[in-house]
Amino acid sequence: MIDIEGHVLHIDFGFLLSNAPGKGVKFEKAPFKLTQEMMEVMGGENSTTFRDFRMRMARGFCALQANAEKIIILVEMMLMGQSDLPCF
């Protein structure tokens, strides 16, 4: 993510399929991490940018739910071809 002044804010998508930093595979308890830094970049909790973000997240989760079976098939295919990945 890049803020309005061009600063890069790191978003770690490495948690996908339970890959967490450190040794071994760890399962994240939070379904989504929203840091204070991310909130600041969006202009705070009451900003129009954050409201837009929430709306887009809700749409994204609805799309994931609607396509869950397809996503599961893709993950199963990855498992069959790359079972040595740490997430499996």
Protein backbone atom coordinates (compact mmCIF):
# COMPACT_ATOMS: atom_id res chain seq x y z
CA MET A 1 0.00 0.00 0.00
CA ILE A 2 1.29 3.50 -0.75
CA ASP A 3 0.19 6.56 1.21
CA ILE A 4 -0.66 9.95 -0.31
CA GLU A 5 2.96 11.12 0.04
CA GLY A 6 4.38 8.05 -1.74
CA HIS A 7 5.54 6.18 1.37
CA VAL A 8 5.34 2.41 1.14
CA LEU A 9 3.37 0.61 3.85
CA HIS A 10 4.12 -3.10 4.00
CA ILE A 11 1.13 -5.43 3.99
CA ASP A 12 2.17 -8.98 4.79
CA PHE A 13 0.10 -11.43 2.79
CA GLY A 14 2.42 -14.25 3.87
CA PHE A 15 -0.17 -15.36 6.38
CA LEU A 16 -2.23 -16.84 3.57
CA LEU A 17 -2.63 -20.57 4.19
CA SER A 18 -1.11 -20.17 7.67
CA ASN A 19 2.48 -19.25 6.75
CA ALA A 20 3.61 -17.08 9.64
CA PRO A 21 7.03 -15.64 10.45
CA GLY A 22 9.23 -17.72 12.74
CA LYS A 23 9.78 -21.43 12.96
CA GLY A 24 7.23 -23.87 11.64
CA VAL A 25 3.68 -23.25 10.56
CA LYS A 26 1.50 -21.24 12.92
CA PHE A 27 -2.20 -20.65 12.60
CA GLU A 28 -3.26 -17.04 12.96
CA LYS A 29 -6.16 -16.53 15.36
CA ALA A 30 -7.25 -13.19 13.91
CA PRO A 31 -9.10 -13.53 10.59
CA PHE A 32 -7.60 -10.23 9.42
CA LYS A 33 -4.93 -7.88 10.78
CA LEU A 34 -5.61 -4.17 10.50
CA THR A 35 -2.74 -2.22 12.03
CA GLN A 36 -2.78 1.33 13.35
CA GLU A 37 -0.40 2.26 10.52
CA MET A 38 -2.88 0.98 7.95
CA MET A 39 -5.63 3.04 9.61
CA GLU A 40 -3.44 6.16 9.57
CA VAL A 41 -2.70 5.76 5.85
CA MET A 42 -6.44 5.57 5.17
CA GLY A 43 -7.09 8.74 7.17
CA GLY A 44 -8.47 7.21 10.35
CA GLU A 45 -11.58 5.36 11.42
CA ASN A 46 -14.02 8.08 10.33
CA SER A 47 -12.49 8.80 6.91
CA THR A 48 -14.23 8.23 3.60
CA THR A 49 -11.23 6.13 2.55
CA PHE A 50 -11.76 3.77 5.47
CA ARG A 51 -15.48 3.52 4.74
CA ASP A 52 -14.59 2.64 1.14
CA PHE A 53 -12.07 0.08 2.41
CA ARG A 54 -14.72 -1.57 4.62
CA MET A 55 -17.19 -1.72 1.74
CA ARG A 56 -14.59 -3.26 -0.57
CA MET A 57 -13.54 -5.79 2.09
CA ALA A 58 -17.17 -6.84 2.55
CA ARG A 59 -17.57 -7.27 -1.23
CA GLY A 60 -14.33 -9.25 -1.34
CA PHE A 61 -15.45 -11.63 1.40
CA CYS A 62 -18.79 -12.10 -0.37
CA ALA A 63 -16.91 -12.95 -3.59
CA LEU A 64 -14.72 -15.42 -1.69
CA GLN A 65 -17.77 -17.07 -0.19
CA ALA A 66 -19.51 -17.27 -3.56
CA ASN A 67 -16.43 -18.91 -5.10
CA ALA A 68 -15.33 -21.03 -2.12
CA GLU A 69 -15.67 -24.34 -3.94
CA LYS A 70 -13.44 -23.18 -6.80
CA ILE A 71 -10.84 -21.84 -4.37
CA ILE A 72 -10.85 -25.11 -2.43
CA ILE A 73 -10.30 -27.06 -5.65
CA LEU A 74 -7.30 -24.85 -6.50
CA VAL A 75 -5.80 -25.35 -3.03
CA GLU A 76 -6.35 -29.11 -3.27
CA MET A 77 -4.59 -29.10 -6.66
CA MET A 78 -1.65 -27.25 -5.10
CA LEU A 79 -1.53 -29.81 -2.32
CA MET A 80 -1.38 -32.67 -4.81
CA GLY A 81 1.43 -31.04 -6.79
CA GLN A 82 3.43 -29.33 -4.03
CA SER A 83 2.80 -31.20 -0.78
CA ASP A 84 6.22 -30.12 0.53
CA LEU A 85 5.07 -26.49 0.96
CA PRO A 86 5.07 -25.43 4.64
CA CYS A 87 1.36 -24.54 4.56
CA PHE A 88 0.54 -28.21 3.90
